[in-house]
Amino acid sequence: MDSKSIASSVIIAVGIAGGLGVLGTQIDGAVGRFVDRDRVVTVKGLAEQQVPADRAIWPVSFRELGNDLQEVYQRMNDKTAVIVAFLKAGGIDEKEITVSVPNVDDAQANNYGGNQRAMRYALTQTVTVSTDKVQAVLELMQKQSELIGKGITLANDYSYRTRFDFTGLNSIKPKMIETATVNAREAAQKFAQDSGSTLGKIRRASQGQFSIYDRDTNTPYIKNVRVVTTVEYFLKD
């Protein structure tokens, strides 16, 4: 082999070796990055807020008994008018009051129960308030004894329970999500410090559903709003 061929072989060998060296460096770097990207921590952040209800649905129900249907119906209408006047005097608008069609129970028309009831007819009437005047409803509920004093016996059945809602979720959502995310990052930062790592960027995040529930059974007009976010962070050495 002449000197030119030998020189060419050396150059080619050096080129291949250099190329392998660069390729090896690139592979090592890729593996390093892959390992780094595979190191993650998943944390949850909680945000809670207490808010007053801003909507009330209050069914005011009562029953009238008797043997003369027309008489019972008239008494029911008279008492319904008393209830409506009571509500208006307490600050409820007429458009916020709905009077339902009365439910008529005829004991003689029933084939069960042995017809043991003293009165043949039982009419149940419901006057429903749907309003954003929650405080007015609370004050009227405390004055229900005034209706009893006027001969109106209100139904005390669970199906006529007053419902309080909070409809302003969209107004507090952004701040609560921000708080939950900050809490999640603080938890991830603590984990990274304890493990001798550095917290990287967010790999993925998901917002949990908001839940709204009564603070307690005695104050259903005060609500707790809660959300949990789940965030996954990269960890770096």
Protein backbone atom coordinates (compact mmCIF):
# COMPACT_ATOMS: atom_id res chain seq x y z
CA MET A 1 0.00 0.00 0.00
CA ASP A 2 1.43 3.39 -0.98
CA SER A 3 1.71 6.36 1.27
CA LYS A 4 -1.35 8.08 -0.23
CA SER A 5 -3.57 5.06 0.45
CA ILE A 6 -2.32 4.85 4.02
CA ALA A 7 -3.01 8.55 4.61
CA SER A 8 -6.52 8.21 3.19
CA SER A 9 -7.23 5.23 5.45
CA VAL A 10 -6.05 7.16 8.48
CA ILE A 11 -8.26 10.15 7.61
CA ILE A 12 -11.27 7.90 7.09
CA ALA A 13 -10.62 6.06 10.38
CA VAL A 14 -10.28 9.33 12.24
CA GLY A 15 -13.48 10.58 10.63
CA ILE A 16 -15.38 7.45 11.66
CA ALA A 17 -13.97 7.56 15.17
CA GLY A 18 -14.83 11.24 15.46
CA GLY A 19 -18.31 10.57 14.14
CA LEU A 20 -18.82 7.75 16.63
CA GLY A 21 -17.59 10.02 19.38
CA VAL A 22 -20.07 12.73 18.46
CA LEU A 23 -22.84 10.14 18.04
CA GLY A 24 -21.95 8.65 21.40
CA THR A 25 -22.14 12.07 23.01
CA GLN A 26 -25.52 12.68 21.40
CA ILE A 27 -26.84 9.32 22.56
CA ASP A 28 -25.60 9.94 26.10
CA GLY A 29 -27.28 13.33 26.12
CA ALA A 30 -30.52 11.89 24.79
CA VAL A 31 -30.54 9.18 27.45
CA GLY A 32 -29.84 11.80 30.09
CA ARG A 33 -32.72 13.93 28.90
CA PHE A 34 -35.00 10.90 28.71
CA VAL A 35 -34.19 9.95 32.30
CA ASP A 36 -34.79 13.52 33.45
CA ARG A 37 -38.12 13.64 31.67
CA ASP A 38 -39.11 10.37 33.28
CA ARG A 39 -38.68 11.76 36.79
CA VAL A 40 -41.94 13.38 37.85
CA VAL A 41 -43.92 14.10 40.97
CA THR A 42 -47.72 14.27 41.12
CA VAL A 43 -49.33 16.49 43.74
CA LYS A 44 -52.81 17.75 44.59
CA GLY A 45 -53.78 21.26 45.59
CA LEU A 46 -56.91 22.07 47.57
CA ALA A 47 -58.89 25.31 47.68
CA GLU A 48 -61.96 25.88 49.84
CA GLN A 49 -64.18 28.91 50.29
CA GLN A 50 -67.26 29.64 52.37
CA VAL A 51 -70.00 31.63 50.64
CA PRO A 52 -73.59 32.66 51.43
CA ALA A 53 -76.39 31.16 49.34
CA ASP A 54 -77.74 33.57 46.74
CA ARG A 55 -80.92 31.69 45.80
CA ALA A 56 -83.77 30.29 47.88
CA ILE A 57 -86.64 28.01 46.88
CA TRP A 58 -89.16 27.87 49.71
CA PRO A 59 -92.32 25.76 49.40
CA VAL A 60 -95.01 26.84 51.89
CA SER A 61 -97.51 23.99 52.06
CA PHE A 62 -100.66 23.38 54.10
CA ARG A 63 -103.65 21.02 54.15
CA GLU A 64 -107.38 21.59 54.49
CA LEU A 65 -109.84 18.86 55.53
CA GLY A 66 -113.62 18.60 55.27
CA ASN A 67 -116.60 16.71 53.92
CA ASP A 68 -117.90 19.46 51.62
CA LEU A 69 -115.49 19.87 48.72
CA GLN A 70 -116.63 23.37 47.78
CA GLU A 71 -116.32 24.57 51.36
CA VAL A 72 -112.86 23.04 51.76
CA TYR A 73 -111.77 24.57 48.47
CA GLN A 74 -112.95 28.03 49.53
CA ARG A 75 -111.14 27.82 52.87
CA MET A 76 -108.01 26.76 51.04
CA ASN A 77 -108.22 29.75 48.68
CA ASP A 78 -108.73 32.13 51.61
CA LYS A 79 -105.67 30.78 53.41
CA THR A 80 -103.63 30.87 50.22
CA ALA A 81 -104.41 34.58 49.94
CA VAL A 82 -103.26 35.06 53.55
CA ILE A 83 -99.95 33.33 52.78
CA VAL A 84 -99.36 35.38 49.63
CA ALA A 85 -100.06 38.61 51.55
CA PHE A 86 -97.68 37.46 54.30
CA LEU A 87 -94.92 36.86 51.74
CA LYS A 88 -95.43 40.20 49.97
CA ALA A 89 -95.34 42.05 53.27
CA GLY A 90 -91.98 40.39 53.91
CA GLY A 91 -90.45 41.78 50.72
CA ILE A 92 -91.19 38.99 48.23
CA ASP A 93 -92.39 40.16 44.81
CA GLU A 94 -95.50 38.67 43.25
CA LYS A 95 -93.49 37.37 40.29
CA GLU A 96 -91.38 35.35 42.77
CA ILE A 97 -94.47 33.54 44.11
CA THR A 98 -96.06 30.52 42.44
CA VAL A 99 -99.34 28.98 43.60
CA SER A 100 -99.64 25.34 42.57
CA VAL A 101 -102.76 23.44 41.58
CA PRO A 102 -104.09 21.87 44.80
CA ASN A 103 -103.84 18.14 45.32
CA VAL A 104 -107.25 16.62 46.15
CA ASP A 105 -107.42 13.40 48.16
CA ASP A 106 -110.89 11.82 48.29
CA ALA A 107 -111.05 9.12 50.97
CA GLN A 108 -114.09 7.49 49.37
CA ALA A 109 -112.29 7.20 46.06
CA ASN A 110 -109.45 5.23 47.61
CA ASN A 111 -109.61 1.46 47.70
CA TYR A 112 -107.10 1.18 50.50
CA GLY A 113 -106.84 2.27 54.12
CA GLY A 114 -110.32 1.13 55.10
CA ASN A 115 -111.72 4.71 54.78
CA GLN A 116 -110.93 5.35 58.45
CA ARG A 117 -110.38 9.08 57.99
CA ALA A 118 -113.00 11.28 59.64
CA MET A 119 -113.04 13.82 56.81
CA ARG A 120 -113.66 12.76 53.23
CA TYR A 121 -111.60 15.43 51.46
CA ALA A 122 -108.02 16.50 52.06
CA LEU A 123 -106.70 19.32 49.90
CA THR A 124 -102.98 20.12 49.90
CA GLN A 125 -101.85 23.49 48.62
CA THR A 126 -98.29 24.69 48.02
CA VAL A 127 -97.17 28.28 47.57
CA THR A 128 -93.58 28.34 46.33
CA VAL A 129 -91.16 31.23 46.66
CA SER A 130 -88.20 31.34 44.25
CA THR A 131 -86.02 34.37 44.90
CA ASP A 132 -82.52 35.72 45.33
CA LYS A 133 -83.67 37.53 48.50
CA VAL A 134 -82.27 34.89 50.80
CA GLN A 135 -82.24 37.11 53.87
CA ALA A 136 -85.92 37.99 53.36
CA VAL A 137 -86.78 34.29 53.20
CA LEU A 138 -84.85 33.57 56.40
CA GLU A 139 -86.67 36.35 58.21
CA LEU A 140 -90.07 35.17 56.95
CA MET A 141 -89.32 31.60 58.01
CA GLN A 142 -88.76 32.87 61.55
CA LYS A 143 -92.19 34.54 61.43
CA GLN A 144 -94.16 31.48 60.30
CA SER A 145 -95.87 31.38 63.68
CA GLU A 146 -97.93 34.35 62.43
CA LEU A 147 -99.55 32.01 59.91
CA ILE A 148 -100.27 29.44 62.58
CA GLY A 149 -101.96 32.20 64.57
CA LYS A 150 -104.25 32.73 61.57
CA GLY A 151 -105.33 29.09 61.54
CA ILE A 152 -102.89 27.86 58.89
CA THR A 153 -101.16 24.64 59.84
CA LEU A 154 -98.08 24.32 57.67
CA ALA A 155 -96.87 20.93 56.45
CA ASN A 156 -93.69 19.73 58.10
CA ASP A 157 -92.72 17.16 55.50
CA TYR A 158 -89.21 16.64 54.10
CA SER A 159 -90.55 16.98 50.54
CA TYR A 160 -91.35 20.63 51.35
CA ARG A 161 -87.86 21.42 52.61
CA THR A 162 -86.45 24.83 51.72
CA ARG A 163 -83.54 24.68 49.28
CA PHE A 164 -80.71 27.19 49.27
CA ASP A 165 -78.36 27.40 46.29
CA PHE A 166 -75.20 29.25 45.34
CA THR A 167 -75.21 30.30 41.69
CA GLY A 168 -72.14 32.57 41.61
CA LEU A 169 -69.55 29.85 41.03
CA ASN A 170 -68.13 31.43 37.87
CA SER A 171 -67.22 34.58 39.79
CA ILE A 172 -64.97 32.73 42.24
CA LYS A 173 -63.65 29.94 40.00
CA PRO A 174 -60.48 31.68 38.70
CA LYS A 175 -59.23 32.68 42.15
CA MET A 176 -59.95 29.26 43.64
CA ILE A 177 -58.14 27.47 40.80
CA GLU A 178 -55.18 29.81 41.29
CA THR A 179 -55.12 29.06 45.02
CA ALA A 180 -55.34 25.31 44.45
CA THR A 181 -52.51 25.45 41.90
CA VAL A 182 -50.28 27.47 44.25
CA ASN A 183 -50.92 24.95 47.02
CA ALA A 184 -50.03 22.11 44.67
CA ARG A 185 -46.76 23.80 43.68
CA GLU A 186 -45.82 24.33 47.33
CA ALA A 187 -46.32 20.62 47.98
CA ALA A 188 -44.25 19.69 44.91
CA GLN A 189 -41.49 22.14 45.90
CA LYS A 190 -41.28 20.57 49.36
CA PHE A 191 -41.07 17.10 47.84
CA ALA A 192 -38.31 18.20 45.46
CA GLN A 193 -36.28 19.72 48.29
CA ASP A 194 -36.65 16.64 50.46
CA SER A 195 -35.51 14.41 47.58
CA GLY A 196 -32.55 16.61 46.65
CA SER A 197 -34.05 17.60 43.34
CA THR A 198 -35.10 20.78 41.58
CA LEU A 199 -38.66 21.35 40.54
CA GLY A 200 -39.09 21.61 36.78
CA LYS A 201 -41.95 22.61 34.52
CA ILE A 202 -45.49 21.27 34.65
CA ARG A 203 -45.87 18.07 32.69
CA ARG A 204 -49.65 17.96 32.89
CA ALA A 205 -52.40 19.37 35.06
CA SER A 206 -56.07 18.63 35.58
CA GLN A 207 -58.74 20.59 37.37
CA GLY A 208 -61.10 18.56 39.52
CA GLN A 209 -64.82 19.26 39.69
CA PHE A 210 -66.11 21.95 41.98
CA SER A 211 -68.34 20.74 44.79
CA ILE A 212 -70.85 22.90 46.66
CA TYR A 213 -72.43 21.64 49.86
CA ASP A 214 -74.04 22.91 53.05
CA ARG A 215 -71.66 24.03 55.75
CA ASP A 216 -73.77 22.06 58.23
CA THR A 217 -77.34 20.82 58.63
CA ASN A 218 -78.37 23.82 60.73
CA THR A 219 -77.23 26.51 58.28
CA PRO A 220 -78.02 25.28 54.74
CA TYR A 221 -77.91 28.90 53.58
CA ILE A 222 -74.13 28.94 54.09
CA LYS A 223 -72.20 26.91 51.52
CA ASN A 224 -68.74 25.41 51.29
CA VAL A 225 -67.17 25.45 47.83
CA ARG A 226 -64.28 23.05 47.22
CA VAL A 227 -61.97 22.15 44.32
CA VAL A 228 -58.90 19.91 44.04
CA THR A 229 -56.38 20.27 41.21
CA THR A 230 -53.89 17.58 40.23
CA VAL A 231 -50.53 18.75 38.85
CA GLU A 232 -47.57 16.69 37.60
CA TYR A 233 -44.12 18.32 37.64
CA PHE A 234 -40.79 17.29 36.15
CA LEU A 235 -37.94 16.79 38.62
CA LYS A 236 -34.33 17.69 37.81
CA ASP A 237 -31.06 17.00 39.61
